């Protein structure tokens, strides 16, 4: 399966990532990606950027090194009500909003509490992706979360970093999520969760899980730029047209 878009990339603005927007774009171009999302952590993450950072993402060019740039955030879920750490007036002006649990930002809880928090976050009309839901640190009721993702039109992420450098022990949960998504027809997105440019477009482990689960290509958002843009526009985002004329890099 070929992926054209990486929907989950961090820069130095996250406080614990090590590459710039330009470095990420160059890496993406080298790997043949057509689009990347710059999704730095929300302001509750230790070392994370001030909310104003997300308001000023409008200064980013739409295209760098022939790669289309989406302006986004990986917002932190703060409580069992699914509250996010970026106000609505910022969220509504971004291209893409990821949301997830993170140590130091979310208190953790029982399966029931974590499930309630995840579902409440997905009820937020600005949320597009629930990231790394297979994290064993924050166990969830997989059936209920997958069903809610379908109900609220949110994509569940299979996060490649969860199999390499982060969230050890996620493999079993991620496979269960992918299998449930395949059974019910839930939508999935694959993210590198790159914290350094060399990992942009690194999907190998996540794609293996998707293949094992039997998820068809039509269930995967980022197999084409057009699918990503169509989905985001359906959520009310104003995404400019992507160049496809002869000779264009995108």
C-alpha atoms as a PDB file:
ATOM      1  CA  UNK A   1       0.000   0.000   0.000  1.00  0.00           C
ATOM      2  CA  UNK A   2       1.383   3.386  -1.022  1.00  0.00           C
ATOM      3  CA  UNK A   3       0.810   6.411   1.212  1.00  0.00           C
ATOM      4  CA  UNK A   4       1.072   9.942  -0.190  1.00  0.00           C
ATOM      5  CA  UNK A   5       0.552  11.868   3.046  1.00  0.00           C
ATOM      6  CA  UNK A   6       2.083  11.886   6.522  1.00  0.00           C
ATOM      7  CA  UNK A   7      -0.518  13.362   8.845  1.00  0.00           C
ATOM      8  CA  UNK A   8       1.608  13.431  12.012  1.00  0.00           C
ATOM      9  CA  UNK A   9       4.936  15.291  12.045  1.00  0.00           C
ATOM     10  CA  UNK A  10       6.605  17.311  14.795  1.00  0.00           C
ATOM     11  CA  UNK A  11       9.132  20.122  14.706  1.00  0.00           C
ATOM     12  CA  UNK A  12      11.429  21.795  17.243  1.00  0.00           C
ATOM     13  CA  UNK A  13       8.347  23.745  18.387  1.00  0.00           C
ATOM     14  CA  UNK A  14       7.127  20.652  20.255  1.00  0.00           C
ATOM     15  CA  UNK A  15      10.031  21.007  22.675  1.00  0.00           C
ATOM     16  CA  UNK A  16      11.205  17.402  22.360  1.00  0.00           C
ATOM     17  CA  UNK A  17      11.527  17.081  18.584  1.00  0.00           C
ATOM     18  CA  UNK A  18      14.620  17.943  16.636  1.00  0.00           C
ATOM     19  CA  UNK A  19      13.872  19.120  13.084  1.00  0.00           C
ATOM     20  CA  UNK A  20      12.429  22.200  11.421  1.00  0.00           C
ATOM     21  CA  UNK A  21       9.475  22.509   9.064  1.00  0.00           C
ATOM     22  CA  UNK A  22      11.864  22.865   6.133  1.00  0.00           C
ATOM     23  CA  UNK A  23      13.868  19.792   7.149  1.00  0.00           C
ATOM     24  CA  UNK A  24      10.670  17.755   7.429  1.00  0.00           C
ATOM     25  CA  UNK A  25       9.497  18.948   4.007  1.00  0.00           C
ATOM     26  CA  UNK A  26      12.833  18.090   2.406  1.00  0.00           C
ATOM     27  CA  UNK A  27      12.729  14.609   3.937  1.00  0.00           C
ATOM     28  CA  UNK A  28       9.168  14.137   2.708  1.00  0.00           C
ATOM     29  CA  UNK A  29      10.114  15.173  -0.816  1.00  0.00           C
ATOM     30  CA  UNK A  30      13.028  12.753  -0.833  1.00  0.00           C
ATOM     31  CA  UNK A  31      10.678   9.925   0.124  1.00  0.00           C
ATOM     32  CA  UNK A  32       8.106  10.814  -2.508  1.00  0.00           C
ATOM     33  CA  UNK A  33       5.411  12.137  -0.176  1.00  0.00           C
ATOM     34  CA  UNK A  34       3.012  14.706  -1.618  1.00  0.00           C
ATOM     35  CA  UNK A  35       1.779  16.234   1.637  1.00  0.00           C
ATOM     36  CA  UNK A  36       2.687  16.435   5.320  1.00  0.00           C
ATOM     37  CA  UNK A  37       0.874  17.832   8.337  1.00  0.00           C
ATOM     38  CA  UNK A  38       2.826  19.880  10.845  1.00  0.00           C
ATOM     39  CA  UNK A  39       1.192  18.789  14.098  1.00  0.00           C
ATOM     40  CA  UNK A  40       3.187  20.047  17.031  1.00  0.00           C
ATOM     41  CA  UNK A  41       1.994  19.281  20.542  1.00  0.00           C
ATOM     42  CA  UNK A  42      -0.533  21.536  22.223  1.00  0.00           C
ATOM     43  CA  UNK A  43       0.572  23.981  24.919  1.00  0.00           C
ATOM     44  CA  UNK A  44       0.007  21.634  27.885  1.00  0.00           C
ATOM     45  CA  UNK A  45       2.908  19.448  26.799  1.00  0.00           C
ATOM     46  CA  UNK A  46       6.052  20.301  28.804  1.00  0.00           C
ATOM     47  CA  UNK A  47       8.193  22.433  26.531  1.00  0.00           C
ATOM     48  CA  UNK A  48       5.346  22.836  24.054  1.00  0.00           C
ATOM     49  CA  UNK A  49       4.485  26.050  22.223  1.00  0.00           C
ATOM     50  CA  UNK A  50       2.227  28.870  23.350  1.00  0.00           C
ATOM     51  CA  UNK A  51      -1.258  28.898  21.762  1.00  0.00           C
ATOM     52  CA  UNK A  52      -0.151  31.878  19.690  1.00  0.00           C
ATOM     53  CA  UNK A  53       2.160  29.507  17.796  1.00  0.00           C
ATOM     54  CA  UNK A  54      -0.873  27.796  16.297  1.00  0.00           C
ATOM     55  CA  UNK A  55      -2.545  31.072  15.426  1.00  0.00           C
ATOM     56  CA  UNK A  56       0.565  32.114  13.532  1.00  0.00           C
ATOM     57  CA  UNK A  57       0.857  28.924  11.443  1.00  0.00           C
ATOM     58  CA  UNK A  58      -0.754  30.942   8.655  1.00  0.00           C
ATOM     59  CA  UNK A  59       2.740  32.235   7.836  1.00  0.00           C
ATOM     60  CA  UNK A  60       3.794  28.749   6.668  1.00  0.00           C
ATOM     61  CA  UNK A  61       3.951  28.465   2.887  1.00  0.00           C
ATOM     62  CA  UNK A  62       1.434  26.038   1.444  1.00  0.00           C
ATOM     63  CA  UNK A  63       4.216  24.279  -0.422  1.00  0.00           C
ATOM     64  CA  UNK A  64       7.833  23.628   0.540  1.00  0.00           C
ATOM     65  CA  UNK A  65      10.171  21.534  -1.600  1.00  0.00           C
ATOM     66  CA  UNK A  66       7.161  20.526  -3.698  1.00  0.00           C
ATOM     67  CA  UNK A  67       5.356  19.131  -0.635  1.00  0.00           C
ATOM     68  CA  UNK A  68       1.958  20.509   0.396  1.00  0.00           C
ATOM     69  CA  UNK A  69       1.897  21.648   4.038  1.00  0.00           C
ATOM     70  CA  UNK A  70      -1.109  21.188   6.314  1.00  0.00           C
ATOM     71  CA  UNK A  71      -1.192  23.403   9.399  1.00  0.00           C
ATOM     72  CA  UNK A  72      -2.268  21.404  12.408  1.00  0.00           C
ATOM     73  CA  UNK A  73      -1.903  20.417  16.040  1.00  0.00           C
ATOM     74  CA  UNK A  74      -1.635  17.313  18.163  1.00  0.00           C
ATOM     75  CA  UNK A  75      -3.880  18.517  20.945  1.00  0.00           C
ATOM     76  CA  UNK A  76      -3.677  16.974  24.383  1.00  0.00           C
ATOM     77  CA  UNK A  77      -6.769  15.452  26.001  1.00  0.00           C
ATOM     78  CA  UNK A  78      -6.796  16.911  29.500  1.00  0.00           C
ATOM     79  CA  UNK A  79      -9.617  15.213  31.375  1.00  0.00           C
ATOM     80  CA  UNK A  80     -12.459  12.689  31.252  1.00  0.00           C
ATOM     81  CA  UNK A  81     -14.697  15.272  29.583  1.00  0.00           C
ATOM     82  CA  UNK A  82     -12.372  15.170  26.575  1.00  0.00           C
ATOM     83  CA  UNK A  83     -11.281  18.792  26.979  1.00  0.00           C
ATOM     84  CA  UNK A  84      -8.476  19.773  24.630  1.00  0.00           C
ATOM     85  CA  UNK A  85      -5.638  22.149  25.464  1.00  0.00           C
ATOM     86  CA  UNK A  86      -6.215  24.525  22.554  1.00  0.00           C
ATOM     87  CA  UNK A  87      -9.233  26.847  22.509  1.00  0.00           C
ATOM     88  CA  UNK A  88     -11.922  26.542  19.862  1.00  0.00           C
ATOM     89  CA  UNK A  89     -10.956  29.818  18.179  1.00  0.00           C
ATOM     90  CA  UNK A  90      -7.561  28.257  17.340  1.00  0.00           C
ATOM     91  CA  UNK A  91      -8.857  24.798  16.440  1.00  0.00           C
ATOM     92  CA  UNK A  92     -11.361  26.076  13.903  1.00  0.00           C
ATOM     93  CA  UNK A  93      -8.647  27.869  11.926  1.00  0.00           C
ATOM     94  CA  UNK A  94      -6.320  24.870  11.571  1.00  0.00           C
ATOM     95  CA  UNK A  95      -6.328  22.444   8.644  1.00  0.00           C
ATOM     96  CA  UNK A  96      -6.174  19.281  10.732  1.00  0.00           C
ATOM     97  CA  UNK A  97      -6.601  18.489  14.425  1.00  0.00           C
ATOM     98  CA  UNK A  98      -5.204  15.387  16.090  1.00  0.00           C
ATOM     99  CA  UNK A  99      -6.071  14.568  19.694  1.00  0.00           C
ATOM    100  CA  UNK A 100      -4.655  12.053  22.114  1.00  0.00           C
ATOM    101  CA  UNK A 101      -3.554  11.050  25.587  1.00  0.00           C
ATOM    102  CA  UNK A 102      -0.103  12.037  26.809  1.00  0.00           C
ATOM    103  CA  UNK A 103       1.763  11.604  30.058  1.00  0.00           C
ATOM    104  CA  UNK A 104       1.983  14.855  32.072  1.00  0.00           C
ATOM    105  CA  UNK A 105      -1.110  16.202  30.289  1.00  0.00           C
ATOM    106  CA  UNK A 106      -3.788  13.630  31.090  1.00  0.00           C
ATOM    107  CA  UNK A 107      -4.237  12.089  34.572  1.00  0.00           C
ATOM    108  CA  UNK A 108      -4.919   8.557  33.350  1.00  0.00           C
ATOM    109  CA  UNK A 109      -7.775   6.471  34.584  1.00  0.00           C
ATOM    110  CA  UNK A 110      -9.728   3.262  34.390  1.00  0.00           C
ATOM    111  CA  UNK A 111     -10.754   1.701  31.098  1.00  0.00           C
ATOM    112  CA  UNK A 112     -14.161   3.290  31.542  1.00  0.00           C
ATOM    113  CA  UNK A 113     -12.724   6.749  32.294  1.00  0.00           C
ATOM    114  CA  UNK A 114     -10.236   6.635  29.416  1.00  0.00           C
ATOM    115  CA  UNK A 115     -12.944   5.457  27.039  1.00  0.00           C
ATOM    116  CA  UNK A 116     -15.212   8.296  28.128  1.00  0.00           C
ATOM    117  CA  UNK A 117     -12.407  10.818  27.625  1.00  0.00           C
ATOM    118  CA  UNK A 118     -11.567   9.496  24.143  1.00  0.00           C
ATOM    119  CA  UNK A 119     -15.206   9.481  23.021  1.00  0.00           C
ATOM    120  CA  UNK A 120     -15.825  12.959  24.407  1.00  0.00           C
ATOM    121  CA  UNK A 121     -12.765  14.252  22.547  1.00  0.00           C
ATOM    122  CA  UNK A 122     -14.058  12.706  19.308  1.00  0.00           C
ATOM    123  CA  UNK A 123     -17.373  14.486  19.816  1.00  0.00           C
ATOM    124  CA  UNK A 124     -15.506  17.767  19.317  1.00  0.00           C
ATOM    125  CA  UNK A 125     -16.400  18.773  15.739  1.00  0.00           C
ATOM    126  CA  UNK A 126     -12.863  20.027  15.128  1.00  0.00           C
ATOM    127  CA  UNK A 127     -11.164  16.697  15.889  1.00  0.00           C
ATOM    128  CA  UNK A 128     -10.166  14.666  12.823  1.00  0.00           C
ATOM    129  CA  UNK A 129      -7.908  11.953  14.257  1.00  0.00           C
ATOM    130  CA  UNK A 130      -7.607  10.129  17.571  1.00  0.00           C
ATOM    131  CA  UNK A 131      -3.891   9.440  17.786  1.00  0.00           C
ATOM    132  CA  UNK A 132      -2.165   6.305  19.099  1.00  0.00           C
ATOM    133  CA  UNK A 133      -5.293   4.879  20.765  1.00  0.00           C
ATOM    134  CA  UNK A 134      -3.475   1.579  21.306  1.00  0.00           C
ATOM    135  CA  UNK A 135      -1.217   3.036  23.998  1.00  0.00           C
ATOM    136  CA  UNK A 136      -1.324   0.499  26.883  1.00  0.00           C
ATOM    137  CA  UNK A 137      -0.669   3.288  29.392  1.00  0.00           C
ATOM    138  CA  UNK A 138      -4.220   4.501  28.780  1.00  0.00           C
ATOM    139  CA  UNK A 139      -6.345   1.382  28.170  1.00  0.00           C
ATOM    140  CA  UNK A 140      -9.698   1.839  26.433  1.00  0.00           C
ATOM    141  CA  UNK A 141     -12.731  -0.197  25.497  1.00  0.00           C
ATOM    142  CA  UNK A 142     -11.740  -0.779  21.873  1.00  0.00           C
ATOM    143  CA  UNK A 143     -15.218  -1.734  20.676  1.00  0.00           C
ATOM    144  CA  UNK A 144     -16.792   1.438  22.068  1.00  0.00           C
ATOM    145  CA  UNK A 145     -14.041   3.714  20.760  1.00  0.00           C
ATOM    146  CA  UNK A 146     -14.139   2.253  17.240  1.00  0.00           C
ATOM    147  CA  UNK A 147     -17.924   2.542  17.159  1.00  0.00           C
ATOM    148  CA  UNK A 148     -17.723   6.162  18.346  1.00  0.00           C
ATOM    149  CA  UNK A 149     -15.106   6.980  15.716  1.00  0.00           C
ATOM    150  CA  UNK A 150     -17.549   5.810  13.049  1.00  0.00           C
ATOM    151  CA  UNK A 151     -20.409   7.768  14.620  1.00  0.00           C
ATOM    152  CA  UNK A 152     -18.472  11.034  14.812  1.00  0.00           C
ATOM    153  CA  UNK A 153     -16.529  10.711  11.567  1.00  0.00           C
ATOM    154  CA  UNK A 154     -13.110  10.596  13.228  1.00  0.00           C
ATOM    155  CA  UNK A 155     -10.125   8.597  11.988  1.00  0.00           C
ATOM    156  CA  UNK A 156      -8.254   6.253  14.310  1.00  0.00           C
ATOM    157  CA  UNK A 157      -4.495   6.385  13.956  1.00  0.00           C
ATOM    158  CA  UNK A 158      -2.127   3.481  13.601  1.00  0.00           C
ATOM    159  CA  UNK A 159       1.015   5.192  14.807  1.00  0.00           C
ATOM    160  CA  UNK A 160       4.330   3.892  13.507  1.00  0.00           C
ATOM    161  CA  UNK A 161       6.297   5.359  16.393  1.00  0.00           C
ATOM    162  CA  UNK A 162       4.303   3.152  18.773  1.00  0.00           C
ATOM    163  CA  UNK A 163       6.177   0.164  17.341  1.00  0.00           C
ATOM    164  CA  UNK A 164       9.642   1.720  17.319  1.00  0.00           C
ATOM    165  CA  UNK A 165      10.549   4.324  19.951  1.00  0.00           C
ATOM    166  CA  UNK A 166       7.381   5.213  21.885  1.00  0.00           C
ATOM    167  CA  UNK A 167       4.537   3.583  23.814  1.00  0.00           C
ATOM    168  CA  UNK A 168       6.112   0.159  24.117  1.00  0.00           C
ATOM    169  CA  UNK A 169       3.626  -2.681  24.237  1.00  0.00           C
ATOM    170  CA  UNK A 170       1.156  -1.090  21.808  1.00  0.00           C
ATOM    171  CA  UNK A 171       1.321  -3.831  19.176  1.00  0.00           C
ATOM    172  CA  UNK A 172      -1.459  -6.059  20.494  1.00  0.00           C
ATOM    173  CA  UNK A 173      -3.895  -3.190  21.075  1.00  0.00           C
ATOM    174  CA  UNK A 174      -3.176  -1.625  17.695  1.00  0.00           C
ATOM    175  CA  UNK A 175      -3.848  -4.904  15.926  1.00  0.00           C
ATOM    176  CA  UNK A 176      -7.124  -5.310  17.803  1.00  0.00           C
ATOM    177  CA  UNK A 177      -8.131  -1.762  16.841  1.00  0.00           C
ATOM    178  CA  UNK A 178      -7.225  -2.364  13.201  1.00  0.00           C
ATOM    179  CA  UNK A 179      -9.159  -5.646  13.107  1.00  0.00           C
ATOM    180  CA  UNK A 180     -12.210  -4.028  14.677  1.00  0.00           C
ATOM    181  CA  UNK A 181     -11.969  -1.159  12.205  1.00  0.00           C
ATOM    182  CA  UNK A 182     -11.824  -3.645   9.334  1.00  0.00           C
ATOM    183  CA  UNK A 183     -14.869  -5.472  10.665  1.00  0.00           C
ATOM    184  CA  UNK A 184     -17.007  -2.374  11.225  1.00  0.00           C
ATOM    185  CA  UNK A 185     -15.704  -0.206   8.386  1.00  0.00           C
ATOM    186  CA  UNK A 186     -14.051   2.446  10.541  1.00  0.00           C
ATOM    187  CA  UNK A 187     -11.632   4.870   8.929  1.00  0.00           C
ATOM    188  CA  UNK A 188      -7.929   4.680   9.723  1.00  0.00           C
ATOM    189  CA  UNK A 189      -5.020   7.025   9.194  1.00  0.00           C
ATOM    190  CA  UNK A 190      -1.344   6.060   9.359  1.00  0.00           C
ATOM    191  CA  UNK A 191       1.036   8.507  11.023  1.00  0.00           C
ATOM    192  CA  UNK A 192       4.783   8.425  11.405  1.00  0.00           C
ATOM    193  CA  UNK A 193       4.678  10.637  14.533  1.00  0.00           C
ATOM    194  CA  UNK A 194       8.111  11.780  13.398  1.00  0.00           C
ATOM    195  CA  UNK A 195      10.076  13.722  15.988  1.00  0.00           C
ATOM    196  CA  UNK A 196      13.060  14.021  13.648  1.00  0.00           C
ATOM    197  CA  UNK A 197      13.036  14.481   9.904  1.00  0.00           C
ATOM    198  CA  UNK A 198      14.533  11.061   9.185  1.00  0.00           C
ATOM    199  CA  UNK A 199      11.301   9.442  10.424  1.00  0.00           C
ATOM    200  CA  UNK A 200       8.947  11.476   8.235  1.00  0.00           C
ATOM    201  CA  UNK A 201       7.130   8.992   6.010  1.00  0.00           C
ATOM    202  CA  UNK A 202       8.256   6.017   8.094  1.00  0.00           C
ATOM    203  CA  UNK A 203       5.181   3.771   7.995  1.00  0.00           C
ATOM    204  CA  UNK A 204       6.692   0.291   7.737  1.00  0.00           C
ATOM    205  CA  UNK A 205       5.562  -1.211  11.047  1.00  0.00           C
ATOM    206  CA  UNK A 206       2.128   0.400  10.949  1.00  0.00           C
ATOM    207  CA  UNK A 207       1.490  -0.867   7.430  1.00  0.00           C
ATOM    208  CA  UNK A 208       2.357  -4.384   8.558  1.00  0.00           C
ATOM    209  CA  UNK A 209      -0.372  -4.152  11.213  1.00  0.00           C
ATOM    210  CA  UNK A 210      -2.870  -2.848   8.655  1.00  0.00           C
ATOM    211  CA  UNK A 211      -2.036  -5.688   6.298  1.00  0.00           C
ATOM    212  CA  UNK A 212      -2.380  -8.295   9.042  1.00  0.00           C
ATOM    213  CA  UNK A 213      -5.750  -6.827  10.059  1.00  0.00           C
ATOM    214  CA  UNK A 214      -7.031  -6.992   6.501  1.00  0.00           C
ATOM    215  CA  UNK A 215      -7.897  -3.299   6.274  1.00  0.00           C
ATOM    216  CA  UNK A 216      -8.737  -2.370   2.662  1.00  0.00           C
ATOM    217  CA  UNK A 217      -7.144   0.650   1.009  1.00  0.00           C
ATOM    218  CA  UNK A 218     -10.462   2.513   0.873  1.00  0.00           C
ATOM    219  CA  UNK A 219     -10.501   2.591   4.677  1.00  0.00           C
ATOM    220  CA  UNK A 220      -7.119   4.363   4.862  1.00  0.00           C
ATOM    221  CA  UNK A 221      -7.265   8.163   4.607  1.00  0.00           C
ATOM    222  CA  UNK A 222      -3.742   9.017   3.553  1.00  0.00           C
ATOM    223  CA  UNK A 223      -3.391   6.817   0.474  1.00  0.00           C
ATOM    224  CA  UNK A 224      -3.981   9.969  -1.590  1.00  0.00           C
ATOM    225  CA  UNK A 225      -3.811  13.726  -1.245  1.00  0.00           C
ATOM    226  CA  UNK A 226      -7.269  13.979  -2.774  1.00  0.00           C
ATOM    227  CA  UNK A 227      -8.814  11.787  -0.064  1.00  0.00           C
ATOM    228  CA  UNK A 228      -7.239  13.889   2.669  1.00  0.00           C
ATOM    229  CA  UNK A 229      -8.398  17.161   1.149  1.00  0.00           C
ATOM    230  CA  UNK A 230     -11.892  15.831   0.459  1.00  0.00           C
ATOM    231  CA  UNK A 231     -12.258  14.722   4.076  1.00  0.00           C
ATOM    232  CA  UNK A 232     -10.962  17.996   5.490  1.00  0.00           C
ATOM    233  CA  UNK A 233     -13.251  20.010   3.236  1.00  0.00           C
ATOM    234  CA  UNK A 234     -16.174  17.883   4.409  1.00  0.00           C
ATOM    235  CA  UNK A 235     -15.321  19.122   7.911  1.00  0.00           C
ATOM    236  CA  UNK A 236     -15.505  22.735   6.720  1.00  0.00           C
ATOM    237  CA  UNK A 237     -11.785  23.379   6.272  1.00  0.00           C
ATOM    238  CA  UNK A 238     -10.748  25.764   3.503  1.00  0.00           C
ATOM    239  CA  UNK A 239      -7.899  23.882   1.847  1.00  0.00           C
ATOM    240  CA  UNK A 240      -6.543  25.424  -1.358  1.00  0.00           C
ATOM    241  CA  UNK A 241      -6.282  23.327  -4.482  1.00  0.00           C
ATOM    242  CA  UNK A 242      -3.156  21.211  -4.832  1.00  0.00           C
ATOM    243  CA  UNK A 243      -1.190  21.659  -8.035  1.00  0.00           C
ATOM    244  CA  UNK A 244      -1.248  18.669 -10.335  1.00  0.00           C
ATOM    245  CA  UNK A 245      -0.214  20.249 -13.628  1.00  0.00           C
ATOM    246  CA  UNK A 246       2.530  18.592 -15.710  1.00  0.00           C
ATOM    247  CA  UNK A 247       5.933  19.104 -14.161  1.00  0.00           C
ATOM    248  CA  UNK A 248       4.591  19.938 -10.702  1.00  0.00           C
ATOM    249  CA  UNK A 249       6.234  18.118  -7.853  1.00  0.00           C
ATOM    250  CA  UNK A 250       2.944  17.614  -6.027  1.00  0.00           C
END
